[in-house]
Amino acid sequence: MTSRLNPYLAFNGNAREAIEFYQSVFGGDLKIHTFGQFGSPDPAIADQVMHAQLETPQGYTLMVSDTPPGMSRTPGDNITVSLSGEDADELRKAWEGLSPGGTIGVPLEKQMWGDEFGQLVDRFGIPWMVNIVGGG
C-alpha cells in the first residue's frame, strides 16, 4: 500500500455539519462514526463525531472529528488544507464551493509565479489554499 498524506481536522461540536458541507463541495463517499457508536458513556457527546472520512472522486481524503471534553483545540493556527493541480475547472469549482460564508485572504487570481492561486478561511474557520498550476 502506498503511503499518503491527508488533513485531519478537529471541530468543536460541528464536525458532522462541516464534513457534510465538504461532501457537498467535493462529492464522494462519506463515513461517519459517533462517540456513542464506540461506547462513550457520556451522553453529551454520544452523537458527536469520533471519526469521519470523506473519499472524493478527485482522490482527496479528508478526515474530521469533534474534540471531546478535556482535549485542547486551537482553531486555525496549525493547519491549512492545500488543493493544487492542473484541472482549473475542478479547482475553481472547489474555490466557489468553499467561499460562501468564508473570508478570502487572497483572491483566486494569477500570481507572479505564473499559477492561479487563492487563500481563504471557510465558514468553519479552516484555512484553504487553491493553486491552479499554470492557471489563468
Protein backbone atom coordinates (compact mmCIF):
# COMPACT_ATOMS: atom_id res chain seq x y z
CA MET A 1 0.00 0.00 0.00
CA THR A 2 1.24 3.47 -0.89
CA SER A 3 1.66 5.98 1.92
CA ARG A 4 -0.46 9.10 1.70
CA LEU A 5 -0.78 12.40 3.48
CA ASN A 6 -4.19 13.89 4.19
CA PRO A 7 -5.61 16.50 6.54
CA TYR A 8 -7.39 15.57 9.76
CA LEU A 9 -9.46 18.46 11.07
CA ALA A 10 -10.78 18.90 14.62
CA PHE A 11 -14.04 20.71 15.38
CA ASN A 12 -15.91 21.82 18.45
CA GLY A 13 -19.25 20.01 18.11
CA ASN A 14 -19.94 20.76 14.43
CA ALA A 15 -17.77 18.15 12.66
CA ARG A 16 -20.82 16.49 11.07
CA GLU A 17 -22.03 19.80 9.62
CA ALA A 18 -18.53 20.57 8.34
CA ILE A 19 -17.85 17.20 6.70
CA GLU A 20 -21.31 17.18 5.10
CA PHE A 21 -20.55 20.67 3.75
CA TYR A 22 -17.22 19.43 2.33
CA GLN A 23 -19.05 16.49 0.74
CA SER A 24 -21.43 18.97 -0.92
CA VAL A 25 -18.41 20.82 -2.34
CA PHE A 26 -16.28 17.83 -3.43
CA GLY A 27 -18.74 14.92 -3.68
CA GLY A 28 -17.60 11.46 -2.71
CA ASP A 29 -18.26 8.73 -0.18
CA LEU A 30 -18.66 9.74 3.45
CA LYS A 31 -18.45 7.52 6.52
CA ILE A 32 -19.31 8.96 9.94
CA HIS A 33 -18.86 7.26 13.31
CA THR A 34 -20.02 8.81 16.58
CA PHE A 35 -18.60 8.56 20.08
CA GLY A 36 -21.80 6.73 21.06
CA GLN A 37 -21.21 4.06 18.42
CA PHE A 38 -17.88 3.32 20.08
CA GLY A 39 -19.35 3.06 23.57
CA SER A 40 -18.83 6.52 25.05
CA PRO A 41 -20.64 6.65 28.39
CA ASP A 42 -21.01 10.46 28.13
CA PRO A 43 -24.46 11.25 26.65
CA ALA A 44 -23.35 14.86 25.98
CA ILE A 45 -21.02 13.67 23.19
CA ALA A 46 -22.73 10.43 22.11
CA ASP A 47 -23.94 11.97 18.81
CA GLN A 48 -20.75 13.90 18.11
CA VAL A 49 -18.29 12.68 15.50
CA MET A 50 -15.47 10.48 16.77
CA HIS A 51 -14.19 9.92 13.24
CA ALA A 52 -15.48 10.78 9.77
CA GLN A 53 -13.75 10.21 6.46
CA LEU A 54 -14.59 11.60 3.04
CA GLU A 55 -13.11 9.94 -0.06
CA THR A 56 -13.69 12.14 -3.10
CA PRO A 57 -13.75 11.36 -6.82
CA GLN A 58 -10.72 13.65 -7.22
CA GLY A 59 -8.68 11.39 -4.92
CA TYR A 60 -8.83 13.67 -1.86
CA THR A 61 -9.19 12.14 1.57
CA LEU A 62 -10.47 14.40 4.32
CA MET A 63 -10.90 13.24 7.93
CA VAL A 64 -12.62 15.08 10.77
CA SER A 65 -13.66 14.64 14.39
CA ASP A 66 -15.20 16.59 17.22
CA THR A 67 -12.85 17.42 20.07
CA PRO A 68 -14.07 15.64 23.21
CA PRO A 69 -14.25 17.48 26.54
CA GLY A 70 -10.86 17.80 28.22
CA MET A 71 -8.83 17.93 24.99
CA SER A 72 -7.46 21.22 23.70
CA ARG A 73 -8.22 22.70 20.28
CA THR A 74 -6.89 25.94 18.82
CA PRO A 75 -8.65 26.66 15.54
CA GLY A 76 -6.82 27.97 12.52
CA ASP A 77 -3.23 28.15 13.69
CA ASN A 78 -1.86 24.72 12.92
CA ILE A 79 -3.26 23.54 9.58
CA THR A 80 -4.04 24.76 6.10
CA VAL A 81 -5.58 22.49 3.51
CA SER A 82 -3.95 22.88 0.10
CA LEU A 83 -5.61 21.91 -3.17
CA SER A 84 -3.41 22.07 -6.24
CA GLY A 85 -3.20 20.69 -9.72
CA GLU A 86 -3.84 21.37 -13.38
CA ASP A 87 -7.63 20.83 -13.56
CA ALA A 88 -8.63 24.50 -13.50
CA ASP A 89 -12.38 23.85 -13.75
CA GLU A 90 -12.36 21.40 -10.84
CA LEU A 91 -10.24 23.66 -8.64
CA ARG A 92 -12.29 26.78 -9.43
CA LYS A 93 -15.44 24.82 -8.57
CA ALA A 94 -13.90 23.89 -5.21
CA TRP A 95 -12.98 27.55 -4.60
CA GLU A 96 -16.53 28.67 -5.38
CA GLY A 97 -17.94 25.99 -3.11
CA LEU A 98 -15.69 26.82 -0.16
CA SER A 99 -16.04 30.62 -0.39
CA PRO A 100 -19.64 31.33 0.78
CA GLY A 101 -19.66 32.47 4.38
CA GLY A 102 -15.86 32.44 4.49
CA THR A 103 -13.16 35.10 4.43
CA ILE A 104 -10.98 35.49 1.35
CA GLY A 105 -7.41 36.40 2.24
CA VAL A 106 -6.00 36.22 -1.29
CA PRO A 107 -8.42 36.25 -4.24
CA LEU A 108 -8.09 33.37 -6.70
CA GLU A 109 -6.09 35.04 -9.48
CA LYS A 110 -2.86 34.77 -11.44
CA GLN A 111 0.23 35.26 -9.29
CA MET A 112 3.78 36.35 -10.07
CA TRP A 113 4.98 32.71 -10.21
CA GLY A 114 2.55 32.05 -13.08
CA ASP A 115 -0.05 29.94 -11.29
CA GLU A 116 -3.55 30.97 -10.32
CA PHE A 117 -3.67 30.99 -6.50
CA GLY A 118 -6.06 31.97 -3.75
CA GLN A 119 -6.34 31.61 0.00
CA LEU A 120 -9.47 31.67 2.14
CA VAL A 121 -10.78 30.65 5.52
CA ASP A 122 -14.08 28.78 5.16
CA ARG A 123 -17.16 29.34 7.30
CA PHE A 124 -15.89 26.72 9.77
CA GLY A 125 -12.58 28.52 10.36
CA ILE A 126 -10.47 26.15 8.22
CA PRO A 127 -7.80 27.82 6.04
CA TRP A 128 -7.59 26.65 2.41
CA MET A 129 -5.13 27.37 -0.40
CA VAL A 130 -6.04 26.66 -4.01
CA ASN A 131 -3.27 26.62 -6.63
CA ILE A 132 -4.01 26.06 -10.31
CA VAL A 133 -0.72 25.14 -11.99
CA GLY A 134 -0.15 27.42 -14.98
CA GLY A 135 -3.67 28.78 -14.45
CA GLY A 136 -5.05 32.00 -15.74
